[in-house]
Amino acid sequence: MPSINGSDVKKVVIACDAGMGSSVMVASTLRSKLAPHGVEVVHTPVNEIPKDAAVVLCHQGLAARAQSTAPEAVVVPFAIFMGDPAFTKVEQAIKNGETLES
């Protein structure tokens, strides 16, 4: 099971299935929150997750596909697009240098 210290995260990927709506809003919100920590936040289809992704956030229904596309990344699934605790978990781990695990 992949893990990473939040202080080592340089790129977070918001992976989606086909749409561009809600996941783009999530990416935009996280981008503004994580920019002060030097973390790049990008949005991409789940089948095109970049190899340098340290952390992948995706809807829970896509978690298995995300993990197979990016086996070295920590995949953090979420259930709802706005206000899900998974977003806070990733943000806090990066801010506080805490461990994140798939």
Protein backbone atom coordinates (compact mmCIF):
# COMPACT_ATOMS: atom_id res chain seq x y z
CA MET A 1 0.00 0.00 0.00
CA PRO A 2 1.63 3.27 -1.11
CA SER A 3 2.23 6.02 1.43
CA ILE A 4 3.93 9.42 1.42
CA ASN A 5 4.76 12.13 3.90
CA GLY A 6 2.68 15.20 3.12
CA SER A 7 5.76 17.43 3.10
CA ASP A 8 7.11 15.38 0.16
CA VAL A 9 4.04 15.89 -2.03
CA LYS A 10 4.75 18.04 -5.10
CA LYS A 11 1.78 17.08 -7.31
CA VAL A 12 -1.82 16.21 -6.54
CA VAL A 13 -4.03 14.90 -9.33
CA ILE A 14 -7.79 15.16 -9.34
CA ALA A 15 -8.84 12.26 -11.57
CA CYS A 16 -12.27 12.00 -13.16
CA ASP A 17 -14.06 9.59 -15.43
CA ALA A 18 -15.27 11.63 -18.38
CA GLY A 19 -16.81 14.82 -17.05
CA MET A 20 -15.22 18.17 -16.43
CA GLY A 21 -17.71 19.76 -14.01
CA SER A 22 -17.43 18.96 -10.33
CA SER A 23 -13.90 17.58 -10.42
CA VAL A 24 -12.66 20.79 -12.07
CA MET A 25 -14.15 22.79 -9.20
CA VAL A 26 -12.41 20.49 -6.71
CA ALA A 27 -9.09 20.99 -8.53
CA SER A 28 -9.51 24.76 -8.53
CA THR A 29 -10.31 24.88 -4.83
CA LEU A 30 -7.38 22.62 -3.87
CA ARG A 31 -5.03 24.51 -6.18
CA SER A 32 -5.61 27.73 -4.25
CA LYS A 33 -5.27 25.98 -0.87
CA LEU A 34 -2.09 24.05 -1.73
CA ALA A 35 -0.24 26.64 -3.84
CA PRO A 36 1.35 28.25 -0.77
CA HIS A 37 2.92 24.85 -0.01
CA GLY A 38 4.49 24.50 -3.47
CA VAL A 39 2.09 21.75 -4.54
CA GLU A 40 0.86 21.60 -8.12
CA VAL A 41 -2.77 20.49 -8.53
CA VAL A 42 -3.89 19.17 -11.91
CA HIS A 43 -7.07 17.68 -13.32
CA THR A 44 -6.94 14.64 -15.62
CA PRO A 45 -8.97 11.65 -16.78
CA VAL A 46 -8.42 8.60 -14.58
CA ASN A 47 -6.81 6.66 -17.44
CA GLU A 48 -4.25 9.43 -18.04
CA ILE A 49 -2.86 10.06 -14.56
CA PRO A 50 0.71 11.37 -14.99
CA LYS A 51 3.57 9.16 -13.76
CA ASP A 52 4.81 11.90 -11.41
CA ALA A 53 1.54 12.08 -9.47
CA ALA A 54 2.25 11.63 -5.77
CA VAL A 55 -1.36 11.79 -4.62
CA VAL A 56 -4.51 11.08 -6.63
CA LEU A 57 -7.92 12.18 -5.43
CA CYS A 58 -10.84 10.53 -7.22
CA HIS A 59 -14.43 9.53 -6.66
CA GLN A 60 -14.62 6.25 -4.75
CA GLY A 61 -16.04 4.49 -7.81
CA LEU A 62 -12.81 5.23 -9.70
CA ALA A 63 -10.31 4.29 -6.97
CA ALA A 64 -9.42 0.85 -8.35
CA ARG A 65 -8.86 2.25 -11.85
CA ALA A 66 -6.76 5.10 -10.45
CA GLN A 67 -4.59 2.68 -8.46
CA SER A 68 -4.00 0.50 -11.52
CA THR A 69 -3.16 3.54 -13.66
CA ALA A 70 -0.82 5.03 -11.03
CA PRO A 71 0.35 2.14 -8.81
CA GLU A 72 3.06 4.22 -7.10
CA ALA A 73 0.68 7.05 -6.13
CA VAL A 74 -1.35 7.35 -2.97
CA VAL A 75 -4.98 7.17 -4.06
CA VAL A 76 -7.43 8.95 -1.78
CA PRO A 77 -11.07 8.28 -2.69
CA PHE A 78 -13.91 10.64 -1.87
CA ALA A 79 -17.68 10.21 -1.85
CA ILE A 80 -18.94 13.75 -2.50
CA PHE A 81 -17.41 16.51 -4.58
CA MET A 82 -17.83 19.38 -2.15
CA GLY A 83 -16.85 19.23 1.51
CA ASP A 84 -15.71 15.62 1.59
CA PRO A 85 -13.34 14.88 4.51
CA ALA A 86 -10.83 13.36 2.06
CA PHE A 87 -9.95 16.85 0.79
CA THR A 88 -9.28 18.09 4.32
CA LYS A 89 -7.23 14.96 5.04
CA VAL A 90 -4.94 15.62 2.06
CA GLU A 91 -4.66 19.34 2.77
CA GLN A 92 -3.81 18.78 6.45
CA ALA A 93 -1.25 16.07 5.65
CA ILE A 94 0.53 18.43 3.27
CA LYS A 95 0.40 21.39 5.67
CA ASN A 96 1.50 19.37 8.70
CA GLY A 97 3.87 16.84 7.13
CA GLU A 98 1.66 13.89 8.08
CA THR A 99 1.63 10.50 6.38
CA LEU A 100 -0.91 9.82 3.66
CA GLU A 101 -1.76 6.24 2.68
CA SER A 102 -3.94 4.65 -0.02
